[in-house]
Amino acid sequence: MSRCIVKKECIKTNRLTIRPYRKEDRDRLVEMLQNPEITETFMVPDYSDLEQFYELADKLIRFSQVEDTKHLEYGIYLDECLIGFVNDCGYEDDSIELGYVIDPAYKGQGFATEAVAAIINELREMGFKRLIARYFEGNIGSRKVMEKCGMHRNGQSGEEEYRGKTLTWYECEIEL
């Protein structure tokens, strides 16, 4: 990961603001990282101690800051309320894997599609040539977000052990 991730202070879409987290977002971020509807389809460590979630939130807050050039991490905001996040799940050379979450209370309103489309433009500007994202079987909403953003299944799939279950994942991609 020798590439530098050059983040912006703020990305505006029609309805959303995508930006680094603020320290005040810590409790809201922990709330989302513990939400069973989120952890069902977005891999979050299965911590037993609340302090571990706060440590993870603090790390993500640091990763999201513009000065951090090793991680793509942004909060997704609607009217200054943190409703989701987007991050890299790894990158090398000109290829990056993206993960994203929208709080279940805000699902079905096109917010994930709007945010991912904006991030695709950012990644293109950063010089990435290929974006991949994965969804678990049964996560139709995430698959639809990928399709609406121009991604297509690339034939890659596999199984992942997560929280005591074996889940099948499928990979989508888009050339940037």
C-alpha atoms as a PDB file:
ATOM      1  CA  MET A   1       0.000   0.000   0.000  1.00  0.00           C
ATOM      2  CA  SER A   2       2.493   2.581  -1.136  1.00  0.00           C
ATOM      3  CA  ARG A   3      -0.207   4.700  -2.771  1.00  0.00           C
ATOM      4  CA  CYS A   4      -1.373   7.790  -0.904  1.00  0.00           C
ATOM      5  CA  ILE A   5      -5.079   8.265  -0.311  1.00  0.00           C
ATOM      6  CA  VAL A   6      -5.792  11.958  -0.752  1.00  0.00           C
ATOM      7  CA  LYS A   7      -9.074  12.711   0.974  1.00  0.00           C
ATOM      8  CA  LYS A   8     -11.109  15.869   0.752  1.00  0.00           C
ATOM      9  CA  GLU A   9     -12.431  17.822   3.709  1.00  0.00           C
ATOM     10  CA  CYS A  10     -15.941  17.512   2.316  1.00  0.00           C
ATOM     11  CA  ILE A  11     -17.789  15.909  -0.584  1.00  0.00           C
ATOM     12  CA  LYS A  12     -21.308  17.182  -1.243  1.00  0.00           C
ATOM     13  CA  THR A  13     -24.017  15.317  -3.120  1.00  0.00           C
ATOM     14  CA  ASN A  14     -27.628  16.341  -3.669  1.00  0.00           C
ATOM     15  CA  ARG A  15     -28.627  15.313  -0.149  1.00  0.00           C
ATOM     16  CA  LEU A  16     -25.509  14.148   1.640  1.00  0.00           C
ATOM     17  CA  THR A  17     -22.236  15.383   3.028  1.00  0.00           C
ATOM     18  CA  ILE A  18     -19.369  12.886   2.993  1.00  0.00           C
ATOM     19  CA  ARG A  19     -16.504  13.920   5.240  1.00  0.00           C
ATOM     20  CA  PRO A  20     -14.088  12.862   7.977  1.00  0.00           C
ATOM     21  CA  TYR A  21     -15.676  12.031  11.311  1.00  0.00           C
ATOM     22  CA  ARG A  22     -15.555  14.489  14.163  1.00  0.00           C
ATOM     23  CA  LYS A  23     -14.820  13.465  17.744  1.00  0.00           C
ATOM     24  CA  GLU A  24     -18.459  14.206  18.548  1.00  0.00           C
ATOM     25  CA  ASP A  25     -19.433  11.332  16.213  1.00  0.00           C
ATOM     26  CA  ARG A  26     -17.815   8.750  18.502  1.00  0.00           C
ATOM     27  CA  ASP A  27     -20.981   7.605  20.309  1.00  0.00           C
ATOM     28  CA  ARG A  28     -23.015   7.487  17.092  1.00  0.00           C
ATOM     29  CA  LEU A  29     -20.286   5.475  15.366  1.00  0.00           C
ATOM     30  CA  VAL A  30     -20.175   2.991  18.260  1.00  0.00           C
ATOM     31  CA  GLU A  31     -23.971   2.708  18.078  1.00  0.00           C
ATOM     32  CA  MET A  32     -23.738   1.761  14.390  1.00  0.00           C
ATOM     33  CA  LEU A  33     -20.822  -0.656  14.935  1.00  0.00           C
ATOM     34  CA  GLN A  34     -22.978  -2.508  17.490  1.00  0.00           C
ATOM     35  CA  ASN A  35     -26.214  -2.499  15.497  1.00  0.00           C
ATOM     36  CA  PRO A  36     -27.133  -6.151  14.742  1.00  0.00           C
ATOM     37  CA  GLU A  37     -28.750  -5.179  11.435  1.00  0.00           C
ATOM     38  CA  ILE A  38     -25.436  -3.641  10.351  1.00  0.00           C
ATOM     39  CA  THR A  39     -23.173  -6.377  11.709  1.00  0.00           C
ATOM     40  CA  GLU A  40     -25.263  -8.989   9.939  1.00  0.00           C
ATOM     41  CA  THR A  41     -23.862  -7.860   6.556  1.00  0.00           C
ATOM     42  CA  PHE A  42     -20.855  -5.641   7.363  1.00  0.00           C
ATOM     43  CA  MET A  43     -17.977  -7.365   9.087  1.00  0.00           C
ATOM     44  CA  VAL A  44     -17.335  -5.803  12.495  1.00  0.00           C
ATOM     45  CA  PRO A  45     -15.335  -7.555  15.229  1.00  0.00           C
ATOM     46  CA  ASP A  46     -17.568  -9.347  17.729  1.00  0.00           C
ATOM     47  CA  TYR A  47     -16.342  -7.495  20.795  1.00  0.00           C
ATOM     48  CA  SER A  48     -17.729  -8.310  24.210  1.00  0.00           C
ATOM     49  CA  ASP A  49     -16.463  -5.129  25.875  1.00  0.00           C
ATOM     50  CA  LEU A  50     -17.945  -1.728  25.085  1.00  0.00           C
ATOM     51  CA  GLU A  51     -14.491  -0.157  25.471  1.00  0.00           C
ATOM     52  CA  GLN A  52     -13.283  -2.205  22.479  1.00  0.00           C
ATOM     53  CA  PHE A  53     -15.979  -0.607  20.329  1.00  0.00           C
ATOM     54  CA  TYR A  54     -14.865   2.824  21.497  1.00  0.00           C
ATOM     55  CA  GLU A  55     -11.255   1.983  20.642  1.00  0.00           C
ATOM     56  CA  LEU A  56     -12.369   0.879  17.163  1.00  0.00           C
ATOM     57  CA  ALA A  57     -14.387   4.082  16.729  1.00  0.00           C
ATOM     58  CA  ASP A  58     -11.367   6.160  17.789  1.00  0.00           C
ATOM     59  CA  LYS A  59      -9.219   4.334  15.228  1.00  0.00           C
ATOM     60  CA  LEU A  60     -11.781   4.937  12.464  1.00  0.00           C
ATOM     61  CA  ILE A  61     -12.004   8.607  13.425  1.00  0.00           C
ATOM     62  CA  ARG A  62      -8.202   8.869  13.081  1.00  0.00           C
ATOM     63  CA  PHE A  63      -8.271   6.982   9.761  1.00  0.00           C
ATOM     64  CA  SER A  64     -10.861   9.401   8.376  1.00  0.00           C
ATOM     65  CA  GLN A  65      -8.801  12.534   8.950  1.00  0.00           C
ATOM     66  CA  VAL A  66      -7.406  14.203   5.843  1.00  0.00           C
ATOM     67  CA  GLU A  67      -3.848  13.886   7.210  1.00  0.00           C
ATOM     68  CA  ASP A  68      -4.142  10.079   7.147  1.00  0.00           C
ATOM     69  CA  THR A  69      -3.062   9.111   3.640  1.00  0.00           C
ATOM     70  CA  LYS A  70      -3.183   5.331   4.157  1.00  0.00           C
ATOM     71  CA  HIS A  71      -6.928   4.805   4.655  1.00  0.00           C
ATOM     72  CA  LEU A  72     -10.096   5.760   2.828  1.00  0.00           C
ATOM     73  CA  GLU A  73     -12.630   6.348   5.593  1.00  0.00           C
ATOM     74  CA  TYR A  74     -15.494   8.826   5.506  1.00  0.00           C
ATOM     75  CA  GLY A  75     -18.691   9.401   7.429  1.00  0.00           C
ATOM     76  CA  ILE A  76     -21.934   9.845   5.481  1.00  0.00           C
ATOM     77  CA  TYR A  77     -24.109  12.651   6.874  1.00  0.00           C
ATOM     78  CA  LEU A  78     -27.668  13.763   6.283  1.00  0.00           C
ATOM     79  CA  ASP A  79     -28.302  17.200   7.786  1.00  0.00           C
ATOM     80  CA  GLU A  80     -25.220  16.786  10.029  1.00  0.00           C
ATOM     81  CA  CYS A  81     -26.494  13.424  11.345  1.00  0.00           C
ATOM     82  CA  LEU A  82     -24.113  10.492  10.809  1.00  0.00           C
ATOM     83  CA  ILE A  83     -26.173   7.921   8.899  1.00  0.00           C
ATOM     84  CA  GLY A  84     -23.425   5.698   7.531  1.00  0.00           C
ATOM     85  CA  PHE A  85     -19.860   5.341   6.449  1.00  0.00           C
ATOM     86  CA  VAL A  86     -17.692   4.235   3.553  1.00  0.00           C
ATOM     87  CA  ASN A  87     -14.185   2.818   3.737  1.00  0.00           C
ATOM     88  CA  ASP A  88     -11.529   0.866   1.944  1.00  0.00           C
ATOM     89  CA  CYS A  89     -11.228  -2.833   2.673  1.00  0.00           C
ATOM     90  CA  GLY A  90      -7.754  -2.858   1.153  1.00  0.00           C
ATOM     91  CA  TYR A  91      -6.037  -1.599  -1.961  1.00  0.00           C
ATOM     92  CA  GLU A  92      -2.973  -2.197  -4.065  1.00  0.00           C
ATOM     93  CA  ASP A  93      -1.625  -0.592  -7.187  1.00  0.00           C
ATOM     94  CA  ASP A  94      -4.622   0.819  -9.067  1.00  0.00           C
ATOM     95  CA  SER A  95      -7.312  -1.377  -7.465  1.00  0.00           C
ATOM     96  CA  ILE A  96      -9.313  -0.695  -4.299  1.00  0.00           C
ATOM     97  CA  GLU A  97     -11.995  -2.622  -2.430  1.00  0.00           C
ATOM     98  CA  LEU A  98     -14.809  -0.574  -0.936  1.00  0.00           C
ATOM     99  CA  GLY A  99     -17.149  -1.206   1.971  1.00  0.00           C
ATOM    100  CA  TYR A 100     -20.140   0.904   2.975  1.00  0.00           C
ATOM    101  CA  VAL A 101     -22.931   1.048   5.529  1.00  0.00           C
ATOM    102  CA  ILE A 102     -26.166   2.985   5.857  1.00  0.00           C
ATOM    103  CA  ASP A 103     -27.990   2.885   9.171  1.00  0.00           C
ATOM    104  CA  PRO A 104     -31.061   0.635   8.758  1.00  0.00           C
ATOM    105  CA  ALA A 105     -33.334   3.541   9.748  1.00  0.00           C
ATOM    106  CA  TYR A 106     -32.242   5.306   6.532  1.00  0.00           C
ATOM    107  CA  LYS A 107     -32.205   2.352   4.122  1.00  0.00           C
ATOM    108  CA  GLY A 108     -34.293   2.259   0.977  1.00  0.00           C
ATOM    109  CA  GLN A 109     -33.988   5.985   0.272  1.00  0.00           C
ATOM    110  CA  GLY A 110     -31.041   5.872  -2.150  1.00  0.00           C
ATOM    111  CA  PHE A 111     -28.473   7.238   0.309  1.00  0.00           C
ATOM    112  CA  ALA A 112     -25.994   4.371  -0.174  1.00  0.00           C
ATOM    113  CA  THR A 113     -26.185   4.701  -3.968  1.00  0.00           C
ATOM    114  CA  GLU A 114     -25.693   8.464  -3.744  1.00  0.00           C
ATOM    115  CA  ALA A 115     -22.681   8.097  -1.429  1.00  0.00           C
ATOM    116  CA  VAL A 116     -21.020   5.243  -3.348  1.00  0.00           C
ATOM    117  CA  ALA A 117     -21.446   7.101  -6.663  1.00  0.00           C
ATOM    118  CA  ALA A 118     -19.711  10.139  -5.138  1.00  0.00           C
ATOM    119  CA  ILE A 119     -16.877   7.977  -3.802  1.00  0.00           C
ATOM    120  CA  ILE A 120     -16.459   6.327  -7.206  1.00  0.00           C
ATOM    121  CA  ASN A 121     -15.817   9.795  -8.656  1.00  0.00           C
ATOM    122  CA  GLU A 122     -13.312  10.516  -5.861  1.00  0.00           C
ATOM    123  CA  LEU A 123     -11.466   7.259  -6.478  1.00  0.00           C
ATOM    124  CA  ARG A 124     -11.286   8.041 -10.184  1.00  0.00           C
ATOM    125  CA  GLU A 125      -9.786  11.451  -9.344  1.00  0.00           C
ATOM    126  CA  MET A 126      -7.254   9.730  -7.049  1.00  0.00           C
ATOM    127  CA  GLY A 127      -6.079   7.634  -9.994  1.00  0.00           C
ATOM    128  CA  PHE A 128      -7.593   4.278  -9.126  1.00  0.00           C
ATOM    129  CA  LYS A 129      -8.492   2.226 -12.206  1.00  0.00           C
ATOM    130  CA  ARG A 130     -10.610  -0.539 -10.666  1.00  0.00           C
ATOM    131  CA  LEU A 131     -13.063  -0.697  -7.767  1.00  0.00           C
ATOM    132  CA  ILE A 132     -14.350  -3.910  -6.261  1.00  0.00           C
ATOM    133  CA  ALA A 133     -16.983  -4.472  -3.591  1.00  0.00           C
ATOM    134  CA  ARG A 134     -18.475  -7.603  -2.097  1.00  0.00           C
ATOM    135  CA  TYR A 135     -21.901  -8.432  -0.780  1.00  0.00           C
ATOM    136  CA  PHE A 136     -23.166 -11.416   1.144  1.00  0.00           C
ATOM    137  CA  GLU A 137     -25.763 -13.673  -0.428  1.00  0.00           C
ATOM    138  CA  GLY A 138     -29.178 -12.372   0.501  1.00  0.00           C
ATOM    139  CA  ASN A 139     -28.043  -8.754   0.839  1.00  0.00           C
ATOM    140  CA  ILE A 140     -30.117  -7.624  -2.125  1.00  0.00           C
ATOM    141  CA  GLY A 141     -29.939  -3.953  -1.116  1.00  0.00           C
ATOM    142  CA  SER A 142     -26.156  -3.874  -1.319  1.00  0.00           C
ATOM    143  CA  ARG A 143     -26.168  -5.739  -4.636  1.00  0.00           C
ATOM    144  CA  LYS A 144     -28.623  -3.188  -6.040  1.00  0.00           C
ATOM    145  CA  VAL A 145     -26.442  -0.289  -4.861  1.00  0.00           C
ATOM    146  CA  MET A 146     -23.504  -1.791  -6.721  1.00  0.00           C
ATOM    147  CA  GLU A 147     -25.561  -2.321  -9.879  1.00  0.00           C
ATOM    148  CA  LYS A 148     -26.971   1.233  -9.790  1.00  0.00           C
ATOM    149  CA  CYS A 149     -23.406   2.540  -9.505  1.00  0.00           C
ATOM    150  CA  GLY A 150     -22.380   0.659 -12.663  1.00  0.00           C
ATOM    151  CA  MET A 151     -20.719  -2.308 -11.008  1.00  0.00           C
ATOM    152  CA  HIS A 152     -21.176  -5.845 -12.285  1.00  0.00           C
ATOM    153  CA  ARG A 153     -20.485  -9.313 -10.917  1.00  0.00           C
ATOM    154  CA  ASN A 154     -17.031 -10.440 -11.987  1.00  0.00           C
ATOM    155  CA  GLY A 155     -17.426 -14.165 -11.288  1.00  0.00           C
ATOM    156  CA  GLN A 156     -15.503 -14.094  -8.014  1.00  0.00           C
ATOM    157  CA  SER A 157     -17.251 -15.573  -5.006  1.00  0.00           C
ATOM    158  CA  GLY A 158     -16.376 -17.423  -1.877  1.00  0.00           C
ATOM    159  CA  GLU A 159     -17.296 -18.241   1.669  1.00  0.00           C
ATOM    160  CA  GLU A 160     -16.427 -16.397   4.846  1.00  0.00           C
ATOM    161  CA  GLU A 161     -16.719 -17.561   8.430  1.00  0.00           C
ATOM    162  CA  TYR A 162     -18.294 -14.722  10.353  1.00  0.00           C
ATOM    163  CA  ARG A 163     -19.868 -14.745  13.802  1.00  0.00           C
ATOM    164  CA  GLY A 164     -20.378 -18.492  13.793  1.00  0.00           C
ATOM    165  CA  LYS A 165     -21.910 -18.672  10.320  1.00  0.00           C
ATOM    166  CA  THR A 166     -20.545 -19.540   6.905  1.00  0.00           C
ATOM    167  CA  LEU A 167     -21.617 -16.781   4.524  1.00  0.00           C
ATOM    168  CA  THR A 168     -21.320 -16.774   0.743  1.00  0.00           C
ATOM    169  CA  TRP A 169     -20.061 -13.565  -0.828  1.00  0.00           C
ATOM    170  CA  TYR A 170     -20.062 -12.279  -4.390  1.00  0.00           C
ATOM    171  CA  GLU A 171     -17.745  -9.696  -5.861  1.00  0.00           C
ATOM    172  CA  CYS A 172     -18.674  -6.840  -8.166  1.00  0.00           C
ATOM    173  CA  GLU A 173     -16.382  -4.416  -9.926  1.00  0.00           C
ATOM    174  CA  ILE A 174     -16.214  -1.360 -12.090  1.00  0.00           C
ATOM    175  CA  GLU A 175     -13.390  -0.015 -14.204  1.00  0.00           C
ATOM    176  CA  LEU A 176     -12.739   3.577 -13.254  1.00  0.00           C
END
